[in-house]
N, C-alpha and C. Protein backbone atom coordinates (compact mmCIF):
# COMPACT_ATOMS: atom_id res chain seq x y z
N MET A 1 12.55 -12.12 -22.66
CA MET A 1 12.81 -13.47 -22.21
C MET A 1 12.37 -13.61 -20.76
N ALA A 2 11.70 -14.71 -20.48
CA ALA A 2 11.29 -15.00 -19.10
C ALA A 2 12.29 -16.00 -18.52
N ASP A 3 12.84 -15.67 -17.38
CA ASP A 3 13.84 -16.52 -16.75
C ASP A 3 13.32 -17.13 -15.45
N GLY A 4 12.05 -17.41 -15.40
CA GLY A 4 11.47 -18.00 -14.21
C GLY A 4 10.94 -16.98 -13.21
N LYS A 5 11.00 -15.70 -13.54
CA LYS A 5 10.43 -14.69 -12.65
C LYS A 5 8.90 -14.72 -12.80
N LEU A 6 8.22 -14.84 -11.68
CA LEU A 6 6.76 -14.95 -11.67
C LEU A 6 6.13 -13.76 -10.97
N ARG A 7 4.95 -13.39 -11.43
CA ARG A 7 4.13 -12.40 -10.74
C ARG A 7 2.75 -13.06 -10.57
N ASN A 8 2.38 -13.32 -9.32
CA ASN A 8 1.10 -13.96 -9.00
C ASN A 8 0.12 -12.90 -8.51
N MET A 9 -1.05 -12.86 -9.14
CA MET A 9 -2.07 -11.89 -8.77
C MET A 9 -3.43 -12.57 -8.74
N ALA A 10 -4.31 -12.05 -7.89
CA ALA A 10 -5.67 -12.56 -7.82
C ALA A 10 -6.63 -11.38 -7.82
N SER A 11 -7.82 -11.60 -8.38
CA SER A 11 -8.85 -10.57 -8.35
C SER A 11 -10.22 -11.24 -8.25
N ILE A 12 -11.19 -10.44 -7.82
CA ILE A 12 -12.55 -10.95 -7.69
C ILE A 12 -13.51 -9.98 -8.37
N TYR A 13 -14.47 -10.56 -9.06
CA TYR A 13 -15.55 -9.80 -9.69
C TYR A 13 -16.83 -10.11 -8.92
N ILE A 14 -17.42 -9.08 -8.34
CA ILE A 14 -18.62 -9.23 -7.53
C ILE A 14 -19.82 -8.75 -8.33
N GLU A 15 -20.86 -9.59 -8.35
CA GLU A 15 -22.09 -9.26 -9.07
C GLU A 15 -23.24 -9.06 -8.09
N LYS A 16 -24.20 -8.28 -8.52
CA LYS A 16 -25.45 -8.08 -7.77
C LYS A 16 -26.51 -7.77 -8.82
N ALA A 17 -27.51 -8.64 -8.94
CA ALA A 17 -28.58 -8.48 -9.93
C ALA A 17 -27.97 -8.36 -11.33
N ASP A 18 -28.17 -7.25 -11.98
CA ASP A 18 -27.69 -7.07 -13.36
C ASP A 18 -26.49 -6.13 -13.42
N LYS A 19 -25.69 -6.10 -12.33
CA LYS A 19 -24.54 -5.19 -12.26
C LYS A 19 -23.30 -5.94 -11.76
N MET A 20 -22.14 -5.38 -12.10
CA MET A 20 -20.87 -5.90 -11.61
C MET A 20 -20.09 -4.75 -11.00
N LEU A 21 -19.49 -5.01 -9.83
CA LEU A 21 -18.70 -4.00 -9.14
C LEU A 21 -17.29 -4.01 -9.72
N LEU A 22 -16.89 -2.88 -10.34
CA LEU A 22 -15.57 -2.76 -10.94
C LEU A 22 -14.83 -1.57 -10.36
N LEU A 23 -13.51 -1.64 -10.43
CA LEU A 23 -12.64 -0.60 -9.92
C LEU A 23 -11.87 0.02 -11.07
N TYR A 24 -11.92 1.35 -11.15
CA TYR A 24 -11.05 2.07 -12.08
C TYR A 24 -9.77 2.35 -11.30
N ARG A 25 -8.76 1.49 -11.53
CA ARG A 25 -7.53 1.53 -10.73
C ARG A 25 -6.67 2.72 -11.15
N GLN A 26 -6.25 3.46 -10.13
CA GLN A 26 -5.40 4.62 -10.35
C GLN A 26 -4.18 4.54 -9.46
N GLY A 27 -3.02 4.82 -10.00
CA GLY A 27 -1.80 4.85 -9.21
C GLY A 27 -1.20 3.49 -8.92
N GLY A 28 -1.62 2.45 -9.66
CA GLY A 28 -1.08 1.11 -9.44
C GLY A 28 0.30 0.95 -10.04
N SER A 29 1.09 0.03 -9.50
CA SER A 29 2.45 -0.18 -9.99
C SER A 29 2.48 -1.03 -11.27
N VAL A 30 1.51 -1.92 -11.45
CA VAL A 30 1.46 -2.79 -12.63
C VAL A 30 0.27 -2.43 -13.50
N VAL A 31 -0.87 -2.20 -12.90
CA VAL A 31 -2.11 -1.91 -13.62
C VAL A 31 -2.57 -0.51 -13.22
N ASN A 32 -2.80 0.33 -14.22
CA ASN A 32 -3.13 1.72 -13.93
C ASN A 32 -4.06 2.28 -15.00
N ASP A 33 -5.04 3.10 -14.57
CA ASP A 33 -5.97 3.79 -15.47
C ASP A 33 -6.77 2.86 -16.37
N VAL A 34 -7.20 1.73 -15.82
CA VAL A 34 -8.09 0.80 -16.50
C VAL A 34 -9.05 0.21 -15.47
N TRP A 35 -10.12 -0.40 -15.95
CA TRP A 35 -11.11 -1.06 -15.09
C TRP A 35 -10.64 -2.47 -14.77
N VAL A 36 -10.72 -2.83 -13.51
CA VAL A 36 -10.32 -4.17 -13.04
C VAL A 36 -11.42 -4.72 -12.14
N GLY A 37 -11.20 -5.90 -11.60
CA GLY A 37 -12.17 -6.51 -10.69
C GLY A 37 -12.43 -5.64 -9.47
N SER A 38 -13.41 -6.04 -8.70
CA SER A 38 -13.83 -5.29 -7.52
C SER A 38 -12.68 -5.06 -6.55
N ALA A 39 -11.79 -6.04 -6.43
CA ALA A 39 -10.61 -5.96 -5.57
C ALA A 39 -9.60 -6.97 -6.08
N GLY A 40 -8.33 -6.73 -5.77
CA GLY A 40 -7.32 -7.70 -6.18
C GLY A 40 -5.93 -7.13 -6.02
N GLY A 41 -4.95 -8.01 -6.23
CA GLY A 41 -3.58 -7.58 -6.11
C GLY A 41 -2.61 -8.74 -6.08
N HIS A 42 -1.41 -8.44 -5.64
CA HIS A 42 -0.33 -9.43 -5.60
C HIS A 42 -0.41 -10.32 -4.37
N PHE A 43 0.06 -11.54 -4.54
CA PHE A 43 0.13 -12.48 -3.43
C PHE A 43 1.19 -12.02 -2.43
N GLU A 44 0.89 -12.18 -1.16
CA GLU A 44 1.89 -12.05 -0.11
C GLU A 44 2.62 -13.39 -0.05
N GLU A 45 3.82 -13.39 0.50
CA GLU A 45 4.62 -14.61 0.52
C GLU A 45 3.89 -15.80 1.14
N HIS A 46 3.15 -15.57 2.23
CA HIS A 46 2.44 -16.66 2.90
C HIS A 46 1.20 -17.12 2.14
N GLU A 47 0.85 -16.45 1.04
CA GLU A 47 -0.34 -16.81 0.24
C GLU A 47 0.01 -17.52 -1.06
N LEU A 48 1.28 -17.79 -1.31
CA LEU A 48 1.69 -18.29 -2.61
C LEU A 48 0.99 -19.57 -3.04
N ASN A 49 0.52 -20.36 -2.13
CA ASN A 49 -0.21 -21.57 -2.48
C ASN A 49 -1.69 -21.46 -2.15
N ASN A 50 -2.19 -20.23 -2.03
CA ASN A 50 -3.60 -20.04 -1.66
C ASN A 50 -4.15 -18.75 -2.26
N ALA A 51 -4.59 -18.84 -3.52
CA ALA A 51 -5.13 -17.67 -4.22
C ALA A 51 -6.37 -17.12 -3.52
N ARG A 52 -7.17 -17.99 -2.92
CA ARG A 52 -8.37 -17.54 -2.21
C ARG A 52 -8.00 -16.63 -1.03
N ALA A 53 -6.98 -17.02 -0.28
CA ALA A 53 -6.53 -16.20 0.85
C ALA A 53 -6.10 -14.83 0.36
N CYS A 54 -5.42 -14.78 -0.77
CA CYS A 54 -4.98 -13.50 -1.33
C CYS A 54 -6.18 -12.63 -1.68
N VAL A 55 -7.14 -13.18 -2.39
CA VAL A 55 -8.27 -12.36 -2.84
C VAL A 55 -9.14 -11.93 -1.66
N LEU A 56 -9.29 -12.75 -0.64
CA LEU A 56 -10.06 -12.36 0.54
C LEU A 56 -9.37 -11.22 1.29
N ARG A 57 -8.03 -11.29 1.41
CA ARG A 57 -7.28 -10.22 2.07
C ARG A 57 -7.40 -8.92 1.28
N GLU A 58 -7.22 -9.00 -0.03
CA GLU A 58 -7.31 -7.81 -0.87
C GLU A 58 -8.70 -7.17 -0.78
N MET A 59 -9.75 -7.98 -0.75
CA MET A 59 -11.13 -7.49 -0.63
C MET A 59 -11.31 -6.70 0.65
N LYS A 60 -10.82 -7.26 1.74
CA LYS A 60 -10.95 -6.60 3.04
C LYS A 60 -10.16 -5.29 3.07
N GLU A 61 -8.92 -5.32 2.56
CA GLU A 61 -8.06 -4.14 2.56
C GLU A 61 -8.59 -3.04 1.64
N GLU A 62 -9.04 -3.41 0.46
CA GLU A 62 -9.38 -2.42 -0.56
C GLU A 62 -10.80 -1.88 -0.49
N ILE A 63 -11.77 -2.75 -0.14
CA ILE A 63 -13.15 -2.26 -0.13
C ILE A 63 -13.91 -2.58 1.16
N GLY A 64 -13.22 -3.19 2.13
CA GLY A 64 -13.83 -3.43 3.43
C GLY A 64 -14.91 -4.49 3.45
N ILE A 65 -14.88 -5.41 2.52
CA ILE A 65 -15.89 -6.47 2.47
C ILE A 65 -15.26 -7.80 2.89
N THR A 66 -16.03 -8.62 3.59
CA THR A 66 -15.55 -9.91 4.05
C THR A 66 -16.27 -11.04 3.34
N GLU A 67 -15.71 -12.22 3.47
CA GLU A 67 -16.26 -13.42 2.83
C GLU A 67 -17.72 -13.65 3.20
N LYS A 68 -18.11 -13.33 4.44
CA LYS A 68 -19.48 -13.63 4.88
C LYS A 68 -20.52 -12.74 4.21
N GLU A 69 -20.08 -11.67 3.54
CA GLU A 69 -21.02 -10.79 2.83
C GLU A 69 -21.24 -11.21 1.38
N LEU A 70 -20.56 -12.30 0.98
CA LEU A 70 -20.65 -12.81 -0.39
C LEU A 70 -21.17 -14.24 -0.39
N GLU A 71 -21.67 -14.65 -1.53
CA GLU A 71 -22.04 -16.05 -1.71
C GLU A 71 -21.45 -16.56 -3.03
N ASN A 72 -21.26 -17.86 -3.06
CA ASN A 72 -20.79 -18.55 -4.26
C ASN A 72 -19.43 -18.00 -4.75
N ILE A 73 -18.49 -17.79 -3.82
CA ILE A 73 -17.15 -17.35 -4.22
C ILE A 73 -16.45 -18.54 -4.87
N ARG A 74 -16.05 -18.34 -6.12
CA ARG A 74 -15.42 -19.44 -6.85
C ARG A 74 -14.27 -18.95 -7.71
N LEU A 75 -13.18 -19.70 -7.69
CA LEU A 75 -12.11 -19.49 -8.65
C LEU A 75 -12.60 -20.04 -9.98
N ARG A 76 -12.64 -19.21 -11.01
CA ARG A 76 -13.21 -19.62 -12.30
C ARG A 76 -12.19 -19.60 -13.43
N TYR A 77 -11.13 -18.78 -13.30
CA TYR A 77 -10.15 -18.65 -14.38
C TYR A 77 -8.75 -18.52 -13.80
N VAL A 78 -7.79 -19.15 -14.46
CA VAL A 78 -6.37 -18.96 -14.19
C VAL A 78 -5.74 -18.66 -15.55
N THR A 79 -5.04 -17.52 -15.66
CA THR A 79 -4.43 -17.17 -16.93
C THR A 79 -2.92 -17.01 -16.79
N LEU A 80 -2.23 -17.21 -17.90
CA LEU A 80 -0.79 -17.03 -17.98
C LEU A 80 -0.47 -16.08 -19.12
N ARG A 81 0.45 -15.16 -18.85
CA ARG A 81 0.88 -14.20 -19.86
C ARG A 81 2.34 -13.83 -19.60
N ARG A 82 3.12 -13.69 -20.65
CA ARG A 82 4.50 -13.19 -20.51
C ARG A 82 4.49 -11.70 -20.75
N ALA A 83 5.07 -10.93 -19.84
CA ALA A 83 5.15 -9.48 -19.99
C ALA A 83 6.34 -8.96 -19.18
N LYS A 84 7.10 -8.09 -19.78
CA LYS A 84 8.21 -7.41 -19.11
C LYS A 84 9.16 -8.38 -18.40
N GLY A 85 9.47 -9.48 -19.07
CA GLY A 85 10.45 -10.43 -18.55
C GLY A 85 9.95 -11.35 -17.46
N GLU A 86 8.64 -11.39 -17.25
CA GLU A 86 8.09 -12.27 -16.20
C GLU A 86 6.87 -13.01 -16.71
N ILE A 87 6.54 -14.08 -16.04
CA ILE A 87 5.31 -14.82 -16.32
C ILE A 87 4.29 -14.34 -15.31
N ARG A 88 3.19 -13.81 -15.81
CA ARG A 88 2.14 -13.29 -14.95
C ARG A 88 1.02 -14.32 -14.86
N GLN A 89 0.78 -14.77 -13.63
CA GLN A 89 -0.28 -15.72 -13.35
C GLN A 89 -1.41 -14.97 -12.65
N ASN A 90 -2.59 -14.99 -13.26
CA ASN A 90 -3.74 -14.30 -12.68
C ASN A 90 -4.81 -15.31 -12.31
N TYR A 91 -5.35 -15.16 -11.12
CA TYR A 91 -6.41 -16.02 -10.60
C TYR A 91 -7.67 -15.16 -10.47
N TYR A 92 -8.71 -15.51 -11.22
CA TYR A 92 -9.94 -14.71 -11.27
C TYR A 92 -11.07 -15.43 -10.54
N PHE A 93 -11.57 -14.77 -9.51
CA PHE A 93 -12.69 -15.27 -8.73
C PHE A 93 -13.95 -14.48 -9.10
N PHE A 94 -15.09 -15.12 -8.96
CA PHE A 94 -16.39 -14.47 -9.15
C PHE A 94 -17.25 -14.79 -7.94
N ALA A 95 -18.13 -13.86 -7.56
CA ALA A 95 -19.01 -14.05 -6.41
C ALA A 95 -20.23 -13.15 -6.57
N LYS A 96 -21.21 -13.42 -5.72
CA LYS A 96 -22.43 -12.60 -5.66
C LYS A 96 -22.48 -11.91 -4.31
N LEU A 97 -22.88 -10.64 -4.32
CA LEU A 97 -23.11 -9.91 -3.07
C LEU A 97 -24.42 -10.40 -2.47
N LYS A 98 -24.40 -10.76 -1.21
CA LYS A 98 -25.61 -11.26 -0.56
C LYS A 98 -26.67 -10.16 -0.47
N ASP A 99 -27.92 -10.57 -0.52
CA ASP A 99 -29.03 -9.64 -0.33
C ASP A 99 -28.91 -9.00 1.04
N GLY A 100 -29.24 -7.72 1.11
CA GLY A 100 -29.22 -7.01 2.38
C GLY A 100 -27.89 -6.38 2.73
N VAL A 101 -26.83 -6.68 1.96
CA VAL A 101 -25.52 -6.08 2.21
C VAL A 101 -25.48 -4.72 1.52
N ASP A 102 -24.99 -3.72 2.22
CA ASP A 102 -24.88 -2.37 1.66
C ASP A 102 -24.09 -2.41 0.35
N GLU A 103 -24.62 -1.81 -0.69
CA GLU A 103 -23.99 -1.82 -2.01
C GLU A 103 -23.05 -0.65 -2.25
N GLU A 104 -22.88 0.22 -1.27
CA GLU A 104 -22.00 1.38 -1.43
C GLU A 104 -20.61 1.04 -0.91
N PHE A 105 -19.63 1.14 -1.79
CA PHE A 105 -18.25 0.83 -1.42
C PHE A 105 -17.34 1.99 -1.78
N ILE A 106 -16.27 2.11 -1.03
CA ILE A 106 -15.21 3.07 -1.31
C ILE A 106 -13.93 2.25 -1.38
N SER A 107 -13.08 2.56 -2.36
CA SER A 107 -11.82 1.85 -2.50
C SER A 107 -10.65 2.81 -2.33
N ASN A 108 -9.59 2.32 -1.72
CA ASN A 108 -8.36 3.11 -1.59
C ASN A 108 -7.46 2.96 -2.81
N GLU A 109 -7.95 2.26 -3.84
CA GLU A 109 -7.15 1.99 -5.04
C GLU A 109 -7.63 2.75 -6.27
N GLY A 110 -8.75 3.48 -6.14
CA GLY A 110 -9.31 4.21 -7.28
C GLY A 110 -10.80 4.39 -7.12
N VAL A 111 -11.50 4.52 -8.23
CA VAL A 111 -12.95 4.74 -8.24
C VAL A 111 -13.66 3.40 -8.40
N ILE A 112 -14.53 3.06 -7.46
CA ILE A 112 -15.26 1.80 -7.53
C ILE A 112 -16.72 2.10 -7.85
N LYS A 113 -17.28 1.29 -8.77
CA LYS A 113 -18.60 1.63 -9.30
C LYS A 113 -19.32 0.37 -9.78
N TRP A 114 -20.64 0.34 -9.58
CA TRP A 114 -21.47 -0.73 -10.14
C TRP A 114 -21.73 -0.42 -11.61
N ILE A 115 -21.40 -1.36 -12.48
CA ILE A 115 -21.55 -1.19 -13.93
C ILE A 115 -22.60 -2.19 -14.43
N PRO A 116 -23.56 -1.74 -15.25
CA PRO A 116 -24.51 -2.69 -15.84
C PRO A 116 -23.76 -3.79 -16.61
N LEU A 117 -24.18 -5.04 -16.45
CA LEU A 117 -23.47 -6.16 -17.07
C LEU A 117 -23.26 -5.97 -18.56
N GLU A 118 -24.26 -5.41 -19.26
CA GLU A 118 -24.14 -5.28 -20.72
C GLU A 118 -23.09 -4.25 -21.14
N LYS A 119 -22.57 -3.46 -20.20
CA LYS A 119 -21.57 -2.44 -20.53
C LYS A 119 -20.16 -2.83 -20.08
N VAL A 120 -20.03 -3.90 -19.33
CA VAL A 120 -18.74 -4.26 -18.73
C VAL A 120 -17.66 -4.50 -19.78
N THR A 121 -17.94 -5.30 -20.80
CA THR A 121 -16.87 -5.67 -21.75
C THR A 121 -16.46 -4.54 -22.69
N ALA A 122 -17.17 -3.42 -22.67
CA ALA A 122 -16.79 -2.27 -23.51
C ALA A 122 -15.78 -1.37 -22.81
N LEU A 123 -15.52 -1.61 -21.53
CA LEU A 123 -14.61 -0.75 -20.76
C LEU A 123 -13.15 -1.11 -21.03
N PRO A 124 -12.24 -0.13 -20.93
CA PRO A 124 -10.82 -0.44 -21.05
C PRO A 124 -10.34 -1.22 -19.83
N MET A 125 -9.65 -2.32 -20.07
CA MET A 125 -9.17 -3.17 -18.97
C MET A 125 -7.91 -3.89 -19.38
N PRO A 126 -7.21 -4.51 -18.43
CA PRO A 126 -5.99 -5.26 -18.76
C PRO A 126 -6.29 -6.37 -19.77
N PHE A 127 -5.27 -6.74 -20.53
CA PHE A 127 -5.41 -7.69 -21.63
C PHE A 127 -6.14 -8.98 -21.24
N THR A 128 -5.63 -9.70 -20.25
CA THR A 128 -6.26 -10.99 -19.92
C THR A 128 -7.65 -10.79 -19.30
N SER A 129 -7.84 -9.73 -18.54
CA SER A 129 -9.15 -9.47 -17.93
C SER A 129 -10.23 -9.31 -18.99
N GLU A 130 -9.89 -8.61 -20.06
CA GLU A 130 -10.84 -8.40 -21.15
C GLU A 130 -11.34 -9.74 -21.70
N PHE A 131 -10.42 -10.67 -21.94
CA PHE A 131 -10.80 -11.96 -22.50
C PHE A 131 -11.50 -12.85 -21.48
N VAL A 132 -11.08 -12.77 -20.22
CA VAL A 132 -11.76 -13.52 -19.17
C VAL A 132 -13.23 -13.11 -19.09
N LEU A 133 -13.48 -11.82 -19.05
CA LEU A 133 -14.87 -11.35 -18.91
C LEU A 133 -15.71 -11.69 -20.14
N LYS A 134 -15.14 -11.57 -21.32
CA LYS A 134 -15.89 -11.96 -22.53
C LYS A 134 -16.24 -13.44 -22.47
N HIS A 135 -15.27 -14.27 -22.10
CA HIS A 135 -15.53 -15.71 -21.99
C HIS A 135 -16.56 -15.99 -20.90
N TYR A 136 -16.43 -15.31 -19.78
CA TYR A 136 -17.36 -15.50 -18.67
C TYR A 136 -18.80 -15.19 -19.09
N PHE A 137 -19.01 -14.07 -19.77
CA PHE A 137 -20.36 -13.71 -20.19
C PHE A 137 -20.89 -14.61 -21.30
N ASP A 138 -20.00 -15.12 -22.16
CA ASP A 138 -20.42 -15.99 -23.26
C ASP A 138 -20.61 -17.44 -22.82
N VAL A 139 -19.76 -17.92 -21.91
CA VAL A 139 -19.73 -19.34 -21.58
C VAL A 139 -19.71 -19.59 -20.07
N GLY A 140 -18.73 -19.01 -19.40
CA GLY A 140 -18.41 -19.35 -18.02
C GLY A 140 -19.51 -19.16 -17.01
N ASN A 141 -20.36 -18.16 -17.19
CA ASN A 141 -21.41 -17.91 -16.19
C ASN A 141 -22.52 -18.94 -16.25
N ARG A 142 -22.47 -19.84 -17.21
CA ARG A 142 -23.48 -20.91 -17.31
C ARG A 142 -22.91 -22.27 -16.92
N THR A 143 -21.68 -22.29 -16.40
CA THR A 143 -21.05 -23.54 -15.99
C THR A 143 -20.47 -23.37 -14.59
N GLU A 144 -19.98 -24.44 -14.04
CA GLU A 144 -19.24 -24.42 -12.77
C GLU A 144 -17.77 -24.74 -13.01
N MET A 145 -17.37 -24.82 -14.27
CA MET A 145 -16.03 -25.25 -14.66
C MET A 145 -14.97 -24.21 -14.32
N LEU A 146 -13.77 -24.69 -14.05
CA LEU A 146 -12.59 -23.84 -13.92
C LEU A 146 -11.91 -23.84 -15.29
N TYR A 147 -11.50 -22.66 -15.75
CA TYR A 147 -10.88 -22.52 -17.07
C TYR A 147 -9.45 -22.02 -16.92
N GLY A 148 -8.58 -22.55 -17.78
CA GLY A 148 -7.22 -22.05 -17.89
C GLY A 148 -7.09 -21.28 -19.19
N GLY A 149 -6.35 -20.19 -19.16
CA GLY A 149 -6.18 -19.38 -20.36
C GLY A 149 -4.73 -19.01 -20.57
N ILE A 150 -4.28 -19.14 -21.82
CA ILE A 150 -2.93 -18.76 -22.21
C ILE A 150 -3.04 -17.57 -23.16
N ALA A 151 -2.36 -16.49 -22.83
CA ALA A 151 -2.35 -15.30 -23.69
C ALA A 151 -1.27 -15.47 -24.76
N ASP A 152 -1.65 -15.25 -26.03
CA ASP A 152 -0.69 -15.41 -27.12
C ASP A 152 -0.33 -14.09 -27.81
N GLY A 153 -0.76 -12.98 -27.24
CA GLY A 153 -0.45 -11.68 -27.83
C GLY A 153 -1.59 -11.06 -28.58
N SER A 154 -2.49 -11.90 -29.12
CA SER A 154 -3.65 -11.37 -29.82
C SER A 154 -4.95 -11.77 -29.14
N LYS A 155 -4.90 -12.82 -28.33
CA LYS A 155 -6.10 -13.32 -27.64
C LYS A 155 -5.67 -14.18 -26.46
N VAL A 156 -6.65 -14.66 -25.72
CA VAL A 156 -6.41 -15.65 -24.67
C VAL A 156 -7.17 -16.91 -25.08
N VAL A 157 -6.48 -18.01 -25.14
CA VAL A 157 -7.08 -19.28 -25.52
C VAL A 157 -7.44 -20.03 -24.24
N PHE A 158 -8.74 -20.37 -24.09
CA PHE A 158 -9.23 -21.01 -22.86
C PHE A 158 -9.47 -22.50 -23.08
N THR A 159 -9.24 -23.25 -22.03
CA THR A 159 -9.59 -24.66 -22.01
C THR A 159 -10.14 -24.99 -20.63
N GLU A 160 -11.03 -25.96 -20.57
CA GLU A 160 -11.56 -26.39 -19.27
C GLU A 160 -10.44 -27.11 -18.52
N LEU A 161 -10.43 -26.91 -17.18
CA LEU A 161 -9.46 -27.59 -16.34
C LEU A 161 -10.19 -28.56 -15.42
N PRO A 162 -10.53 -29.75 -15.94
CA PRO A 162 -11.22 -30.72 -15.07
C PRO A 162 -10.27 -31.30 -14.04
N GLU A 163 -10.83 -31.70 -12.93
CA GLU A 163 -10.02 -32.38 -11.92
C GLU A 163 -9.99 -33.86 -12.27
N PHE A 164 -8.80 -34.46 -12.25
CA PHE A 164 -8.69 -35.90 -12.54
C PHE A 164 -7.51 -36.49 -11.82
């Protein structure tokens, strides 16, 4: 049962040419021994209304990259899932690494590695991340739309979130 307890998390997937930078997270409190976005984590209290601020801070802390080294940073997916008595809200950003930026990264959260795009969805990853990436490669990377996704236990159902 969820009694209003929330867990807010944000992550970013960074692309360069035909590769995506992913992290094999080790030793995490919520997510462990699976592939996740390039950087990400829980919101700090002062970030609760600003998912972008959270993901930029996590990027700097975890892999030492700043906003100016990326282009086209966009929030593309927001998902909801009930797990362990809480509602987990995930904010998924995507971006491109600018040309000329060093592609070698080290993470304090696990092993970080450039993965060929065609191999990304075959990797073990958290439930909602798996569906976000499948949707992104099938649909989302050809649009500018923001998508909302609800996890129902067997899949994540996505809908466009237009501004109106």
